Amino acid sequence: MNGEITAIEDAPAAEVVAPEAAPSETAMTETFDAEELLTQIAALLAPYQESVTSLQNSFESISERFNKIADEPGAAPVRNTFAAEAATKKSIADNRIEALIALRKGKK
């Protein structure tokens, strides 16, 4: 009773029936057609083909736009070396100094 085995009885031997292959399995293996399978797979993938084509076109257009932008410089080249501005400022300062020197000489 407390989980102890008290007696072992021999069960009558049941007839073992060999499992037969299901008719659908044998029919499937006999009539397997690779062409038909490929046709069905292609039919399943057909709706996605349009999406893939549109994605390819989008990718190509974006790549073209990127390449156009990538070929351009980031900013316009600096053509002014500011030498002209420096020369102008120097000449203005020199003129002022000369004017001050002339005023000083004139007062003496």
C-alpha atoms as a PDB file:
ATOM      1  CA  MET A   1       0.000   0.000   0.000  1.00  0.00           C
ATOM      2  CA  ASN A   2       2.474   2.655   0.829  1.00  0.00           C
ATOM      3  CA  GLY A   3       3.904   2.601  -2.657  1.00  0.00           C
ATOM      4  CA  GLU A   4       5.165  -0.983  -2.280  1.00  0.00           C
ATOM      5  CA  ILE A   5       4.826  -3.551  -5.029  1.00  0.00           C
ATOM      6  CA  THR A   6       3.017  -6.568  -3.617  1.00  0.00           C
ATOM      7  CA  ALA A   7       2.271  -8.639  -6.721  1.00  0.00           C
ATOM      8  CA  ILE A   8       3.245  -8.783 -10.388  1.00  0.00           C
ATOM      9  CA  GLU A   9       0.595  -9.888 -12.835  1.00  0.00           C
ATOM     10  CA  ASP A  10       1.330 -10.948 -16.380  1.00  0.00           C
ATOM     11  CA  ALA A  11      -0.869  -9.059 -18.814  1.00  0.00           C
ATOM     12  CA  PRO A  12      -2.276 -11.058 -21.700  1.00  0.00           C
ATOM     13  CA  ALA A  13      -0.254 -10.442 -24.869  1.00  0.00           C
ATOM     14  CA  ALA A  14      -2.059  -8.015 -27.116  1.00  0.00           C
ATOM     15  CA  GLU A  15      -1.892  -8.425 -30.832  1.00  0.00           C
ATOM     16  CA  VAL A  16       0.676  -6.099 -32.321  1.00  0.00           C
ATOM     17  CA  VAL A  17      -0.543  -4.662 -35.575  1.00  0.00           C
ATOM     18  CA  ALA A  18       2.140  -3.380 -37.933  1.00  0.00           C
ATOM     19  CA  PRO A  19       1.379   0.213 -38.896  1.00  0.00           C
ATOM     20  CA  GLU A  20       0.694   0.594 -42.562  1.00  0.00           C
ATOM     21  CA  ALA A  21       1.701   3.666 -44.493  1.00  0.00           C
ATOM     22  CA  ALA A  22      -1.175   6.052 -44.879  1.00  0.00           C
ATOM     23  CA  PRO A  23      -2.496   6.154 -48.444  1.00  0.00           C
ATOM     24  CA  SER A  24      -1.853   9.894 -48.690  1.00  0.00           C
ATOM     25  CA  GLU A  25       1.852   9.425 -47.850  1.00  0.00           C
ATOM     26  CA  THR A  26       2.378   6.791 -50.522  1.00  0.00           C
ATOM     27  CA  ALA A  27       0.471   8.849 -53.075  1.00  0.00           C
ATOM     28  CA  MET A  28       2.548  11.893 -52.238  1.00  0.00           C
ATOM     29  CA  THR A  29       5.850  10.088 -52.653  1.00  0.00           C
ATOM     30  CA  GLU A  30       4.743   8.528 -55.887  1.00  0.00           C
ATOM     31  CA  THR A  31       3.447  11.709 -57.515  1.00  0.00           C
ATOM     32  CA  PHE A  32       6.033  14.235 -56.320  1.00  0.00           C
ATOM     33  CA  ASP A  33       6.541  16.769 -59.080  1.00  0.00           C
ATOM     34  CA  ALA A  34       9.392  19.255 -58.660  1.00  0.00           C
ATOM     35  CA  GLU A  35       8.139  21.533 -61.427  1.00  0.00           C
ATOM     36  CA  GLU A  36       4.742  21.853 -59.797  1.00  0.00           C
ATOM     37  CA  LEU A  37       6.364  22.589 -56.443  1.00  0.00           C
ATOM     38  CA  LEU A  38       8.527  25.310 -57.984  1.00  0.00           C
ATOM     39  CA  THR A  39       5.499  26.788 -59.737  1.00  0.00           C
ATOM     40  CA  GLN A  40       3.596  26.928 -56.454  1.00  0.00           C
ATOM     41  CA  ILE A  41       6.559  28.524 -54.666  1.00  0.00           C
ATOM     42  CA  ALA A  42       6.836  31.114 -57.433  1.00  0.00           C
ATOM     43  CA  ALA A  43       3.107  31.826 -57.091  1.00  0.00           C
ATOM     44  CA  LEU A  44       3.560  32.343 -53.341  1.00  0.00           C
ATOM     45  CA  LEU A  45       6.452  34.745 -53.894  1.00  0.00           C
ATOM     46  CA  ALA A  46       4.793  36.725 -56.712  1.00  0.00           C
ATOM     47  CA  PRO A  47       3.103  39.322 -54.438  1.00  0.00           C
ATOM     48  CA  TYR A  48       6.432  40.043 -52.784  1.00  0.00           C
ATOM     49  CA  GLN A  49       8.206  40.481 -56.115  1.00  0.00           C
ATOM     50  CA  GLU A  50       6.546  43.872 -56.662  1.00  0.00           C
ATOM     51  CA  SER A  51       7.655  45.029 -53.211  1.00  0.00           C
ATOM     52  CA  VAL A  52      11.204  43.881 -53.834  1.00  0.00           C
ATOM     53  CA  THR A  53      11.267  45.622 -57.226  1.00  0.00           C
ATOM     54  CA  SER A  54       9.976  48.884 -55.752  1.00  0.00           C
ATOM     55  CA  LEU A  55      12.549  48.671 -52.951  1.00  0.00           C
ATOM     56  CA  GLN A  56      15.309  48.137 -55.508  1.00  0.00           C
ATOM     57  CA  ASN A  57      14.159  51.172 -57.484  1.00  0.00           C
ATOM     58  CA  SER A  58      14.017  53.289 -54.329  1.00  0.00           C
ATOM     59  CA  PHE A  59      17.479  52.130 -53.331  1.00  0.00           C
ATOM     60  CA  GLU A  60      18.883  52.998 -56.756  1.00  0.00           C
ATOM     61  CA  SER A  61      17.353  56.485 -56.737  1.00  0.00           C
ATOM     62  CA  ILE A  62      18.575  57.160 -53.203  1.00  0.00           C
ATOM     63  CA  SER A  63      22.045  55.899 -54.145  1.00  0.00           C
ATOM     64  CA  GLU A  64      22.148  58.229 -57.156  1.00  0.00           C
ATOM     65  CA  ARG A  65      21.106  61.203 -55.030  1.00  0.00           C
ATOM     66  CA  PHE A  66      23.663  60.309 -52.380  1.00  0.00           C
ATOM     67  CA  ASN A  67      26.440  59.993 -54.948  1.00  0.00           C
ATOM     68  CA  LYS A  68      25.583  63.413 -56.389  1.00  0.00           C
ATOM     69  CA  ILE A  69      25.745  64.980 -52.956  1.00  0.00           C
ATOM     70  CA  ALA A  70      28.848  63.028 -51.937  1.00  0.00           C
ATOM     71  CA  ASP A  71      30.756  64.291 -54.982  1.00  0.00           C
ATOM     72  CA  GLU A  72      30.103  67.931 -54.081  1.00  0.00           C
ATOM     73  CA  PRO A  73      32.360  69.693 -51.582  1.00  0.00           C
ATOM     74  CA  GLY A  74      30.972  70.371 -48.129  1.00  0.00           C
ATOM     75  CA  ALA A  75      31.272  74.121 -48.555  1.00  0.00           C
ATOM     76  CA  ALA A  76      32.284  76.542 -51.247  1.00  0.00           C
ATOM     77  CA  PRO A  77      36.042  77.052 -51.427  1.00  0.00           C
ATOM     78  CA  VAL A  78      37.355  80.186 -49.737  1.00  0.00           C
ATOM     79  CA  ARG A  79      38.662  82.376 -52.498  1.00  0.00           C
ATOM     80  CA  ASN A  80      39.333  85.470 -50.418  1.00  0.00           C
ATOM     81  CA  THR A  81      42.609  85.362 -48.554  1.00  0.00           C
ATOM     82  CA  PHE A  82      41.733  88.579 -46.763  1.00  0.00           C
ATOM     83  CA  ALA A  83      44.996  90.088 -48.003  1.00  0.00           C
ATOM     84  CA  ALA A  84      43.090  92.900 -49.685  1.00  0.00           C
ATOM     85  CA  GLU A  85      41.214  93.718 -46.494  1.00  0.00           C
ATOM     86  CA  ALA A  86      44.435  93.649 -44.480  1.00  0.00           C
ATOM     87  CA  ALA A  87      46.121  95.979 -46.988  1.00  0.00           C
ATOM     88  CA  THR A  88      43.173  98.375 -46.878  1.00  0.00           C
ATOM     89  CA  LYS A  89      43.174  98.455 -43.078  1.00  0.00           C
ATOM     90  CA  LYS A  90      46.941  99.009 -43.056  1.00  0.00           C
ATOM     91  CA  SER A  91      46.720 101.856 -45.549  1.00  0.00           C
ATOM     92  CA  ILE A  92      43.934 103.508 -43.503  1.00  0.00           C
ATOM     93  CA  ALA A  93      46.021 103.158 -40.342  1.00  0.00           C
ATOM     94  CA  ASP A  94      49.114 104.510 -42.150  1.00  0.00           C
ATOM     95  CA  ASN A  95      47.104 107.498 -43.445  1.00  0.00           C
ATOM     96  CA  ARG A  96      45.887 108.265 -39.926  1.00  0.00           C
ATOM     97  CA  ILE A  97      49.412 108.061 -38.520  1.00  0.00           C
ATOM     98  CA  GLU A  98      50.738 110.298 -41.309  1.00  0.00           C
ATOM     99  CA  ALA A  99      47.940 112.783 -40.623  1.00  0.00           C
ATOM    100  CA  LEU A 100      48.799 112.789 -36.914  1.00  0.00           C
ATOM    101  CA  ILE A 101      52.506 113.254 -37.713  1.00  0.00           C
ATOM    102  CA  ALA A 102      51.666 116.120 -40.073  1.00  0.00           C
ATOM    103  CA  LEU A 103      49.530 117.787 -37.376  1.00  0.00           C
ATOM    104  CA  ARG A 104      52.287 117.446 -34.825  1.00  0.00           C
ATOM    105  CA  LYS A 105      54.882 118.867 -37.157  1.00  0.00           C
ATOM    106  CA  GLY A 106      52.611 121.735 -38.019  1.00  0.00           C
ATOM    107  CA  LYS A 107      52.044 122.741 -34.382  1.00  0.00           C
ATOM    108  CA  LYS A 108      55.715 123.078 -33.534  1.00  0.00           C
END
